[in-house]
Amino acid sequence: MKLKASAVTLLTVCLLTTFPLKVWAETILEKVEKTGILTVGARKDAVPFGFVDTDGKWQGYSVDLLHLIHHELEKKLGKSIKLEMEAVTINERFDAVKDKKVDIVCGATTITQERLEKVDFSVPFFMTGTQFLVKTGNINQFNLNSTLKEQKIAYIPNTTTDIIIRQVYPFAHWVSVRDRQEGLKKLNQDQVIAVASDGILLIAEVVAEGKDPDDYALTPRVPMTTELYACILPQNESSWKQFVDETIAGSQNRQLQEKWFNALQGSFPYVIRIEP
């Protein structure tokens, strides 16, 4: 009897210790297959990657990418999956993934070593960097090394432009603005000759305000800094990361990129300069 009691006790201990571990170790793919729900995150204020239009509908390249991931996941699992879209802010997006509130966030998020200490990233789907938005008619007059008063350049404080580019060109006449909207306004009123920021976000501001992109130019052709945008993923989710990476590298995603960013026909014409 004593031996049987010990065996029962040992079995009970094993069950109590292994069951919580199984729940804790459940992967994203296992969770989605069990619940039938994929929870994704995007920002509402990151044109052209994630935003809400005047009708209150989600729009943006990253939103389309999330729908593509959802579609491919249904094919992989062979079942219907409910897609739940959650709005995340620029400050909470990493914790939302880390704390498993969402399974993935896609948007204008740069891969950095510091962020990799908290979350993982997919392969990059977009490359941009600091460029200067100039009126097409002024492109030949623009000179970063000029000390002329009319060569004023708008920049946003506490950005890569502020930290890096202003140090490279200390003699340029830099003008602080609150955001790209204010910068574009000053550019259109000839109060500055250029606006410095991530190239794609400058184009997004032009389009969002109903301006013709052909009236503006981005220079230099190759961005001065490198910003690799990727989806935010939980750490230690190799199977989920592999699935997302394969979707990003697929032909359907390239079609999405053409739809949004084609230099001649895209909604936000921009050269991505990266092949997944």
C-alpha atoms as a PDB file:
ATOM      1  CA  MET A   1       0.000   0.000   0.000  1.00  0.00           C
ATOM      2  CA  LYS A   2       2.841   2.355   0.844  1.00  0.00           C
ATOM      3  CA  LEU A   3       4.433   1.775  -2.575  1.00  0.00           C
ATOM      4  CA  LYS A   4       1.126   2.426  -4.357  1.00  0.00           C
ATOM      5  CA  ALA A   5       0.604   5.626  -2.378  1.00  0.00           C
ATOM      6  CA  SER A   6       4.067   6.843  -3.345  1.00  0.00           C
ATOM      7  CA  ALA A   7       3.387   6.090  -6.991  1.00  0.00           C
ATOM      8  CA  VAL A   8       0.106   8.022  -6.878  1.00  0.00           C
ATOM      9  CA  THR A   9       1.823  10.949  -5.182  1.00  0.00           C
ATOM     10  CA  LEU A  10       4.567  10.978  -7.817  1.00  0.00           C
ATOM     11  CA  LEU A  11       1.996  10.866 -10.616  1.00  0.00           C
ATOM     12  CA  THR A  12       0.081  13.769  -9.039  1.00  0.00           C
ATOM     13  CA  VAL A  13       3.242  15.859  -8.770  1.00  0.00           C
ATOM     14  CA  CYS A  14       4.090  15.133 -12.418  1.00  0.00           C
ATOM     15  CA  LEU A  15       0.631  16.187 -13.579  1.00  0.00           C
ATOM     16  CA  LEU A  16       0.691  19.378 -11.521  1.00  0.00           C
ATOM     17  CA  THR A  17       4.104  20.391 -12.803  1.00  0.00           C
ATOM     18  CA  THR A  18       3.814  19.384 -16.464  1.00  0.00           C
ATOM     19  CA  PHE A  19       0.301  20.708 -17.191  1.00  0.00           C
ATOM     20  CA  PRO A  20       1.108  24.380 -16.452  1.00  0.00           C
ATOM     21  CA  LEU A  21       4.288  24.038 -18.496  1.00  0.00           C
ATOM     22  CA  LYS A  22       2.302  22.748 -21.467  1.00  0.00           C
ATOM     23  CA  VAL A  23      -0.042  25.751 -21.293  1.00  0.00           C
ATOM     24  CA  TRP A  24       2.870  28.171 -20.890  1.00  0.00           C
ATOM     25  CA  ALA A  25       4.744  26.634 -23.820  1.00  0.00           C
ATOM     26  CA  GLU A  26       1.792  26.755 -26.221  1.00  0.00           C
ATOM     27  CA  THR A  27       2.927  28.290 -29.497  1.00  0.00           C
ATOM     28  CA  ILE A  28       1.091  30.963 -31.486  1.00  0.00           C
ATOM     29  CA  LEU A  29       0.196  28.442 -34.185  1.00  0.00           C
ATOM     30  CA  GLU A  30      -1.131  25.967 -31.601  1.00  0.00           C
ATOM     31  CA  LYS A  31      -3.144  28.695 -29.915  1.00  0.00           C
ATOM     32  CA  VAL A  32      -4.678  29.904 -33.170  1.00  0.00           C
ATOM     33  CA  GLU A  33      -5.536  26.365 -34.255  1.00  0.00           C
ATOM     34  CA  LYS A  34      -7.197  25.673 -30.896  1.00  0.00           C
ATOM     35  CA  THR A  35      -9.114  28.950 -30.526  1.00  0.00           C
ATOM     36  CA  GLY A  36      -9.738  29.731 -34.186  1.00  0.00           C
ATOM     37  CA  ILE A  37      -8.704  33.357 -33.566  1.00  0.00           C
ATOM     38  CA  LEU A  38      -5.728  35.365 -34.838  1.00  0.00           C
ATOM     39  CA  THR A  39      -5.223  38.657 -32.985  1.00  0.00           C
ATOM     40  CA  VAL A  40      -3.187  41.267 -34.847  1.00  0.00           C
ATOM     41  CA  GLY A  41      -2.149  44.832 -34.110  1.00  0.00           C
ATOM     42  CA  ALA A  42      -1.671  47.964 -36.207  1.00  0.00           C
ATOM     43  CA  ARG A  43      -1.474  51.699 -35.648  1.00  0.00           C
ATOM     44  CA  LYS A  44      -4.242  54.088 -36.673  1.00  0.00           C
ATOM     45  CA  ASP A  45      -1.871  56.995 -37.266  1.00  0.00           C
ATOM     46  CA  ALA A  46       0.897  55.589 -39.463  1.00  0.00           C
ATOM     47  CA  VAL A  47       0.014  56.473 -43.070  1.00  0.00           C
ATOM     48  CA  PRO A  48       0.574  54.627 -45.411  1.00  0.00           C
ATOM     49  CA  PHE A  49       1.164  51.528 -43.291  1.00  0.00           C
ATOM     50  CA  GLY A  50      -1.768  51.573 -40.910  1.00  0.00           C
ATOM     51  CA  PHE A  51      -4.551  54.141 -40.642  1.00  0.00           C
ATOM     52  CA  VAL A  52      -8.323  54.555 -40.466  1.00  0.00           C
ATOM     53  CA  ASP A  53     -10.032  56.349 -43.354  1.00  0.00           C
ATOM     54  CA  THR A  54     -12.884  58.865 -43.186  1.00  0.00           C
ATOM     55  CA  ASP A  55     -15.380  55.985 -43.189  1.00  0.00           C
ATOM     56  CA  GLY A  56     -13.764  54.463 -40.118  1.00  0.00           C
ATOM     57  CA  LYS A  57     -12.264  51.540 -42.059  1.00  0.00           C
ATOM     58  CA  TRP A  58      -8.760  50.159 -41.590  1.00  0.00           C
ATOM     59  CA  GLN A  59      -6.432  50.945 -44.501  1.00  0.00           C
ATOM     60  CA  GLY A  60      -2.724  50.690 -45.285  1.00  0.00           C
ATOM     61  CA  TYR A  61      -0.083  48.387 -46.681  1.00  0.00           C
ATOM     62  CA  SER A  62       0.567  46.753 -43.307  1.00  0.00           C
ATOM     63  CA  VAL A  63      -3.152  46.162 -42.821  1.00  0.00           C
ATOM     64  CA  ASP A  64      -3.263  44.402 -46.199  1.00  0.00           C
ATOM     65  CA  LEU A  65      -0.177  42.399 -45.179  1.00  0.00           C
ATOM     66  CA  LEU A  66      -1.912  41.278 -41.987  1.00  0.00           C
ATOM     67  CA  HIS A  67      -4.934  40.177 -44.016  1.00  0.00           C
ATOM     68  CA  LEU A  68      -2.578  38.232 -46.303  1.00  0.00           C
ATOM     69  CA  ILE A  69      -0.965  36.513 -43.302  1.00  0.00           C
ATOM     70  CA  HIS A  70      -4.444  35.655 -42.030  1.00  0.00           C
ATOM     71  CA  HIS A  71      -5.465  34.224 -45.421  1.00  0.00           C
ATOM     72  CA  GLU A  72      -2.301  32.136 -45.713  1.00  0.00           C
ATOM     73  CA  LEU A  73      -2.752  30.877 -42.148  1.00  0.00           C
ATOM     74  CA  GLU A  74      -6.262  29.642 -42.977  1.00  0.00           C
ATOM     75  CA  LYS A  75      -4.783  27.712 -45.888  1.00  0.00           C
ATOM     76  CA  LYS A  76      -2.030  26.271 -43.707  1.00  0.00           C
ATOM     77  CA  LEU A  77      -4.393  25.138 -40.943  1.00  0.00           C
ATOM     78  CA  GLY A  78      -7.149  24.083 -43.322  1.00  0.00           C
ATOM     79  CA  LYS A  79      -9.861  25.872 -41.386  1.00  0.00           C
ATOM     80  CA  SER A  80     -11.611  29.232 -41.030  1.00  0.00           C
ATOM     81  CA  ILE A  81      -9.828  31.615 -38.648  1.00  0.00           C
ATOM     82  CA  LYS A  82     -11.354  34.759 -37.150  1.00  0.00           C
ATOM     83  CA  LEU A  83      -9.196  37.861 -37.562  1.00  0.00           C
ATOM     84  CA  GLU A  84      -9.300  40.328 -34.680  1.00  0.00           C
ATOM     85  CA  MET A  85      -7.696  43.710 -35.432  1.00  0.00           C
ATOM     86  CA  GLU A  86      -6.475  45.688 -32.421  1.00  0.00           C
ATOM     87  CA  ALA A  87      -5.251  49.283 -32.460  1.00  0.00           C
ATOM     88  CA  VAL A  88      -1.847  49.789 -30.824  1.00  0.00           C
ATOM     89  CA  THR A  89       0.017  53.017 -30.164  1.00  0.00           C
ATOM     90  CA  ILE A  90       3.622  53.841 -30.951  1.00  0.00           C
ATOM     91  CA  ASN A  91       4.468  53.417 -27.249  1.00  0.00           C
ATOM     92  CA  GLU A  92       2.554  50.219 -26.431  1.00  0.00           C
ATOM     93  CA  ARG A  93       3.153  48.130 -29.578  1.00  0.00           C
ATOM     94  CA  PHE A  94       6.137  46.201 -28.187  1.00  0.00           C
ATOM     95  CA  ASP A  95       4.522  45.367 -24.836  1.00  0.00           C
ATOM     96  CA  ALA A  96       1.342  44.285 -26.647  1.00  0.00           C
ATOM     97  CA  VAL A  97       3.368  41.572 -28.416  1.00  0.00           C
ATOM     98  CA  LYS A  98       5.618  40.742 -25.474  1.00  0.00           C
ATOM     99  CA  ASP A  99       2.634  40.280 -23.157  1.00  0.00           C
ATOM    100  CA  LYS A 100       0.817  38.152 -25.804  1.00  0.00           C
ATOM    101  CA  LYS A 101      -2.094  40.595 -26.086  1.00  0.00           C
ATOM    102  CA  VAL A 102      -1.637  40.333 -29.850  1.00  0.00           C
ATOM    103  CA  ASP A 103       0.109  37.694 -31.942  1.00  0.00           C
ATOM    104  CA  ILE A 104       1.798  40.136 -34.314  1.00  0.00           C
ATOM    105  CA  VAL A 105       2.052  43.865 -35.057  1.00  0.00           C
ATOM    106  CA  CYS A 106       2.915  45.123 -38.541  1.00  0.00           C
ATOM    107  CA  GLY A 107       3.686  48.734 -39.350  1.00  0.00           C
ATOM    108  CA  ALA A 108       6.389  51.378 -39.642  1.00  0.00           C
ATOM    109  CA  THR A 109       8.625  49.763 -37.029  1.00  0.00           C
ATOM    110  CA  THR A 110      12.416  49.779 -37.381  1.00  0.00           C
ATOM    111  CA  ILE A 111      14.483  46.780 -36.306  1.00  0.00           C
ATOM    112  CA  THR A 112      16.973  47.751 -33.591  1.00  0.00           C
ATOM    113  CA  GLN A 113      19.232  45.757 -31.276  1.00  0.00           C
ATOM    114  CA  GLU A 114      17.639  47.359 -28.229  1.00  0.00           C
ATOM    115  CA  ARG A 115      14.160  46.267 -29.302  1.00  0.00           C
ATOM    116  CA  LEU A 116      15.387  42.711 -29.955  1.00  0.00           C
ATOM    117  CA  GLU A 117      15.957  42.370 -26.228  1.00  0.00           C
ATOM    118  CA  LYS A 118      12.172  42.476 -25.733  1.00  0.00           C
ATOM    119  CA  VAL A 119      10.640  41.101 -28.955  1.00  0.00           C
ATOM    120  CA  ASP A 120      11.569  39.402 -32.218  1.00  0.00           C
ATOM    121  CA  PHE A 121      11.106  40.684 -35.767  1.00  0.00           C
ATOM    122  CA  SER A 122      10.114  39.230 -39.102  1.00  0.00           C
ATOM    123  CA  VAL A 123      12.320  39.640 -42.143  1.00  0.00           C
ATOM    124  CA  PRO A 124      12.203  43.273 -43.327  1.00  0.00           C
ATOM    125  CA  PHE A 125       9.428  44.203 -45.738  1.00  0.00           C
ATOM    126  CA  PHE A 126      10.441  47.828 -46.355  1.00  0.00           C
ATOM    127  CA  MET A 127      13.578  49.957 -46.376  1.00  0.00           C
ATOM    128  CA  THR A 128      13.538  53.710 -46.095  1.00  0.00           C
ATOM    129  CA  GLY A 129      15.661  56.342 -44.411  1.00  0.00           C
ATOM    130  CA  THR A 130      16.322  60.057 -44.127  1.00  0.00           C
ATOM    131  CA  GLN A 131      15.728  61.995 -47.321  1.00  0.00           C
ATOM    132  CA  PHE A 132      14.851  65.576 -48.177  1.00  0.00           C
ATOM    133  CA  LEU A 133      11.518  66.570 -49.675  1.00  0.00           C
ATOM    134  CA  VAL A 134      12.030  69.452 -52.099  1.00  0.00           C
ATOM    135  CA  LYS A 135       9.776  71.163 -54.604  1.00  0.00           C
ATOM    136  CA  THR A 136      10.572  69.809 -58.064  1.00  0.00           C
ATOM    137  CA  GLY A 137      11.444  73.279 -59.339  1.00  0.00           C
ATOM    138  CA  ASN A 138      13.980  73.817 -56.509  1.00  0.00           C
ATOM    139  CA  ILE A 139      15.847  70.517 -56.716  1.00  0.00           C
ATOM    140  CA  ASN A 140      18.864  72.016 -58.532  1.00  0.00           C
ATOM    141  CA  GLN A 141      19.123  74.882 -56.010  1.00  0.00           C
ATOM    142  CA  PHE A 142      19.131  72.683 -52.929  1.00  0.00           C
ATOM    143  CA  ASN A 143      22.554  72.500 -51.275  1.00  0.00           C
ATOM    144  CA  LEU A 144      23.064  70.923 -47.862  1.00  0.00           C
ATOM    145  CA  ASN A 145      26.391  72.677 -47.400  1.00  0.00           C
ATOM    146  CA  SER A 146      25.008  76.111 -48.158  1.00  0.00           C
ATOM    147  CA  THR A 147      25.085  78.767 -45.448  1.00  0.00           C
ATOM    148  CA  LEU A 148      22.630  80.991 -47.304  1.00  0.00           C
ATOM    149  CA  LYS A 149      19.658  82.056 -45.191  1.00  0.00           C
ATOM    150  CA  GLU A 150      17.143  80.938 -47.818  1.00  0.00           C
ATOM    151  CA  GLN A 151      18.498  77.363 -47.656  1.00  0.00           C
ATOM    152  CA  LYS A 152      16.418  76.508 -44.585  1.00  0.00           C
ATOM    153  CA  ILE A 153      15.691  72.826 -43.875  1.00  0.00           C
ATOM    154  CA  ALA A 154      12.828  71.699 -41.649  1.00  0.00           C
ATOM    155  CA  TYR A 155      13.435  68.797 -39.266  1.00  0.00           C
ATOM    156  CA  ILE A 156      11.586  67.124 -36.383  1.00  0.00           C
ATOM    157  CA  PRO A 157      13.464  67.119 -33.041  1.00  0.00           C
ATOM    158  CA  ASN A 158      14.422  63.833 -31.350  1.00  0.00           C
ATOM    159  CA  THR A 159      14.413  61.860 -34.604  1.00  0.00           C
ATOM    160  CA  THR A 160      17.206  60.135 -36.527  1.00  0.00           C
ATOM    161  CA  THR A 161      17.470  63.290 -38.626  1.00  0.00           C
ATOM    162  CA  ASP A 162      18.028  65.341 -35.503  1.00  0.00           C
ATOM    163  CA  ILE A 163      20.487  62.942 -33.890  1.00  0.00           C
ATOM    164  CA  ILE A 164      22.552  61.995 -36.950  1.00  0.00           C
ATOM    165  CA  ILE A 165      21.995  64.147 -40.030  1.00  0.00           C
ATOM    166  CA  ARG A 166      22.180  67.538 -38.307  1.00  0.00           C
ATOM    167  CA  GLN A 167      25.577  66.539 -36.943  1.00  0.00           C
ATOM    168  CA  VAL A 168      26.798  65.603 -40.423  1.00  0.00           C
ATOM    169  CA  TYR A 169      25.724  68.984 -41.843  1.00  0.00           C
ATOM    170  CA  PRO A 170      26.164  71.435 -38.955  1.00  0.00           C
ATOM    171  CA  PHE A 171      26.412  74.503 -41.226  1.00  0.00           C
ATOM    172  CA  ALA A 172      22.999  73.985 -42.829  1.00  0.00           C
ATOM    173  CA  HIS A 173      20.214  76.315 -41.686  1.00  0.00           C
ATOM    174  CA  TRP A 174      18.025  73.885 -39.680  1.00  0.00           C
ATOM    175  CA  VAL A 175      14.464  74.850 -38.688  1.00  0.00           C
ATOM    176  CA  SER A 176      12.606  72.868 -36.011  1.00  0.00           C
ATOM    177  CA  VAL A 177       8.974  71.824 -36.753  1.00  0.00           C
ATOM    178  CA  ARG A 178       6.447  69.841 -34.713  1.00  0.00           C
ATOM    179  CA  ASP A 179       5.715  67.256 -37.393  1.00  0.00           C
ATOM    180  CA  ARG A 180       5.797  66.532 -41.132  1.00  0.00           C
ATOM    181  CA  GLN A 181       2.502  68.368 -41.614  1.00  0.00           C
ATOM    182  CA  GLU A 182       4.023  71.615 -40.362  1.00  0.00           C
ATOM    183  CA  GLY A 183       7.148  70.956 -42.403  1.00  0.00           C
ATOM    184  CA  LEU A 184       5.163  70.503 -45.623  1.00  0.00           C
ATOM    185  CA  LYS A 185       3.205  73.673 -44.898  1.00  0.00           C
ATOM    186  CA  LYS A 186       6.422  75.664 -44.537  1.00  0.00           C
ATOM    187  CA  LEU A 187       7.767  74.080 -47.722  1.00  0.00           C
ATOM    188  CA  ASN A 188       4.672  75.052 -49.704  1.00  0.00           C
ATOM    189  CA  GLN A 189       4.896  78.611 -48.365  1.00  0.00           C
ATOM    190  CA  ASP A 190       8.607  78.779 -49.310  1.00  0.00           C
ATOM    191  CA  GLN A 191       9.613  79.293 -45.678  1.00  0.00           C
ATOM    192  CA  VAL A 192      12.010  76.339 -46.049  1.00  0.00           C
ATOM    193  CA  ILE A 193      13.606  74.799 -49.117  1.00  0.00           C
ATOM    194  CA  ALA A 194      13.383  71.202 -47.849  1.00  0.00           C
ATOM    195  CA  VAL A 195      11.911  68.927 -45.179  1.00  0.00           C
ATOM    196  CA  ALA A 196      14.005  66.097 -43.739  1.00  0.00           C
ATOM    197  CA  SER A 197      12.475  62.817 -42.527  1.00  0.00           C
ATOM    198  CA  ASP A 198      11.966  59.169 -43.571  1.00  0.00           C
ATOM    199  CA  GLY A 199      11.316  59.330 -47.309  1.00  0.00           C
ATOM    200  CA  ILE A 200       8.176  57.191 -47.334  1.00  0.00           C
ATOM    201  CA  LEU A 201       6.607  59.223 -44.505  1.00  0.00           C
ATOM    202  CA  LEU A 202       7.273  62.444 -46.407  1.00  0.00           C
ATOM    203  CA  ILE A 203       5.538  61.036 -49.490  1.00  0.00           C
ATOM    204  CA  ALA A 204       2.687  59.836 -47.273  1.00  0.00           C
ATOM    205  CA  GLU A 205       2.181  63.377 -45.965  1.00  0.00           C
ATOM    206  CA  VAL A 206       2.101  64.771 -49.503  1.00  0.00           C
ATOM    207  CA  VAL A 207      -0.552  62.260 -50.591  1.00  0.00           C
ATOM    208  CA  ALA A 208      -2.549  62.553 -47.357  1.00  0.00           C
ATOM    209  CA  GLU A 209      -2.896  66.301 -47.950  1.00  0.00           C
ATOM    210  CA  GLY A 210      -4.091  65.779 -51.510  1.00  0.00           C
ATOM    211  CA  LYS A 211      -0.966  67.186 -53.159  1.00  0.00           C
ATOM    212  CA  ASP A 212       0.484  65.878 -56.417  1.00  0.00           C
ATOM    213  CA  PRO A 213       3.656  63.823 -55.726  1.00  0.00           C
ATOM    214  CA  ASP A 214       5.020  64.919 -59.109  1.00  0.00           C
ATOM    215  CA  ASP A 215       5.328  68.448 -57.698  1.00  0.00           C
ATOM    216  CA  TYR A 216       7.938  67.206 -55.217  1.00  0.00           C
ATOM    217  CA  ALA A 217      11.207  65.291 -55.304  1.00  0.00           C
ATOM    218  CA  LEU A 218      13.095  63.194 -52.749  1.00  0.00           C
ATOM    219  CA  THR A 219      16.847  63.586 -52.526  1.00  0.00           C
ATOM    220  CA  PRO A 220      19.304  61.927 -52.337  1.00  0.00           C
ATOM    221  CA  ARG A 221      18.065  58.957 -54.365  1.00  0.00           C
ATOM    222  CA  VAL A 222      19.538  56.530 -51.822  1.00  0.00           C
ATOM    223  CA  PRO A 223      18.464  57.444 -48.242  1.00  0.00           C
ATOM    224  CA  MET A 224      21.165  58.787 -45.932  1.00  0.00           C
ATOM    225  CA  THR A 225      20.205  56.425 -43.114  1.00  0.00           C
ATOM    226  CA  THR A 226      18.807  52.889 -43.179  1.00  0.00           C
ATOM    227  CA  GLU A 227      15.468  52.125 -41.569  1.00  0.00           C
ATOM    228  CA  LEU A 228      14.369  48.501 -42.019  1.00  0.00           C
ATOM    229  CA  TYR A 229      10.657  48.086 -41.233  1.00  0.00           C
ATOM    230  CA  ALA A 230       9.420  44.672 -40.061  1.00  0.00           C
ATOM    231  CA  CYS A 231       6.568  43.005 -38.182  1.00  0.00           C
ATOM    232  CA  ILE A 232       6.914  42.652 -34.410  1.00  0.00           C
ATOM    233  CA  LEU A 233       6.766  39.040 -33.187  1.00  0.00           C
ATOM    234  CA  PRO A 234       7.021  37.346 -29.771  1.00  0.00           C
ATOM    235  CA  GLN A 235      10.389  35.899 -28.851  1.00  0.00           C
ATOM    236  CA  ASN A 236      11.022  32.130 -29.047  1.00  0.00           C
ATOM    237  CA  GLU A 237       8.305  31.549 -31.662  1.00  0.00           C
ATOM    238  CA  SER A 238      10.383  29.999 -34.446  1.00  0.00           C
ATOM    239  CA  SER A 239       7.500  28.278 -36.272  1.00  0.00           C
ATOM    240  CA  TRP A 240       5.365  31.443 -36.234  1.00  0.00           C
ATOM    241  CA  LYS A 241       8.312  33.574 -37.394  1.00  0.00           C
ATOM    242  CA  GLN A 242       9.084  31.141 -40.210  1.00  0.00           C
ATOM    243  CA  PHE A 243       5.479  31.248 -41.405  1.00  0.00           C
ATOM    244  CA  VAL A 244       5.344  35.067 -41.330  1.00  0.00           C
ATOM    245  CA  ASP A 245       8.746  35.338 -43.051  1.00  0.00           C
ATOM    246  CA  GLU A 246       7.661  33.011 -45.849  1.00  0.00           C
ATOM    247  CA  THR A 247       4.488  35.043 -46.374  1.00  0.00           C
ATOM    248  CA  ILE A 248       6.444  38.314 -46.552  1.00  0.00           C
ATOM    249  CA  ALA A 249       8.880  36.763 -49.025  1.00  0.00           C
ATOM    250  CA  GLY A 250       6.069  35.454 -51.241  1.00  0.00           C
ATOM    251  CA  SER A 251       4.807  36.769 -54.561  1.00  0.00           C
ATOM    252  CA  GLN A 252       1.463  37.923 -53.137  1.00  0.00           C
ATOM    253  CA  ASN A 253       3.206  40.349 -50.804  1.00  0.00           C
ATOM    254  CA  ARG A 254       5.227  41.738 -53.696  1.00  0.00           C
ATOM    255  CA  GLN A 255       1.933  42.408 -55.443  1.00  0.00           C
ATOM    256  CA  LEU A 256       0.743  44.301 -52.365  1.00  0.00           C
ATOM    257  CA  GLN A 257       3.915  46.385 -52.390  1.00  0.00           C
ATOM    258  CA  GLU A 258       3.363  47.210 -56.061  1.00  0.00           C
ATOM    259  CA  LYS A 259      -0.205  48.264 -55.279  1.00  0.00           C
ATOM    260  CA  TRP A 260       0.872  50.666 -52.537  1.00  0.00           C
ATOM    261  CA  PHE A 261       4.361  51.844 -53.549  1.00  0.00           C
ATOM    262  CA  ASN A 262       4.872  51.422 -57.291  1.00  0.00           C
ATOM    263  CA  ALA A 263       6.814  54.491 -58.435  1.00  0.00           C
ATOM    264  CA  LEU A 264       4.419  55.148 -61.329  1.00  0.00           C
ATOM    265  CA  GLN A 265       1.051  53.760 -60.274  1.00  0.00           C
ATOM    266  CA  GLY A 266       1.147  53.173 -56.506  1.00  0.00           C
ATOM    267  CA  SER A 267      -0.966  55.120 -54.032  1.00  0.00           C
ATOM    268  CA  PHE A 268       2.253  56.251 -52.313  1.00  0.00           C
ATOM    269  CA  PRO A 269       4.980  56.134 -55.013  1.00  0.00           C
ATOM    270  CA  TYR A 270       8.282  55.181 -53.440  1.00  0.00           C
ATOM    271  CA  VAL A 271      11.210  52.876 -54.263  1.00  0.00           C
ATOM    272  CA  ILE A 272      11.389  50.321 -51.447  1.00  0.00           C
ATOM    273  CA  ARG A 273      14.953  49.179 -52.293  1.00  0.00           C
ATOM    274  CA  ILE A 274      14.692  45.795 -50.609  1.00  0.00           C
ATOM    275  CA  GLU A 275      13.921  42.307 -51.866  1.00  0.00           C
ATOM    276  CA  PRO A 276      12.566  40.060 -49.063  1.00  0.00           C
END
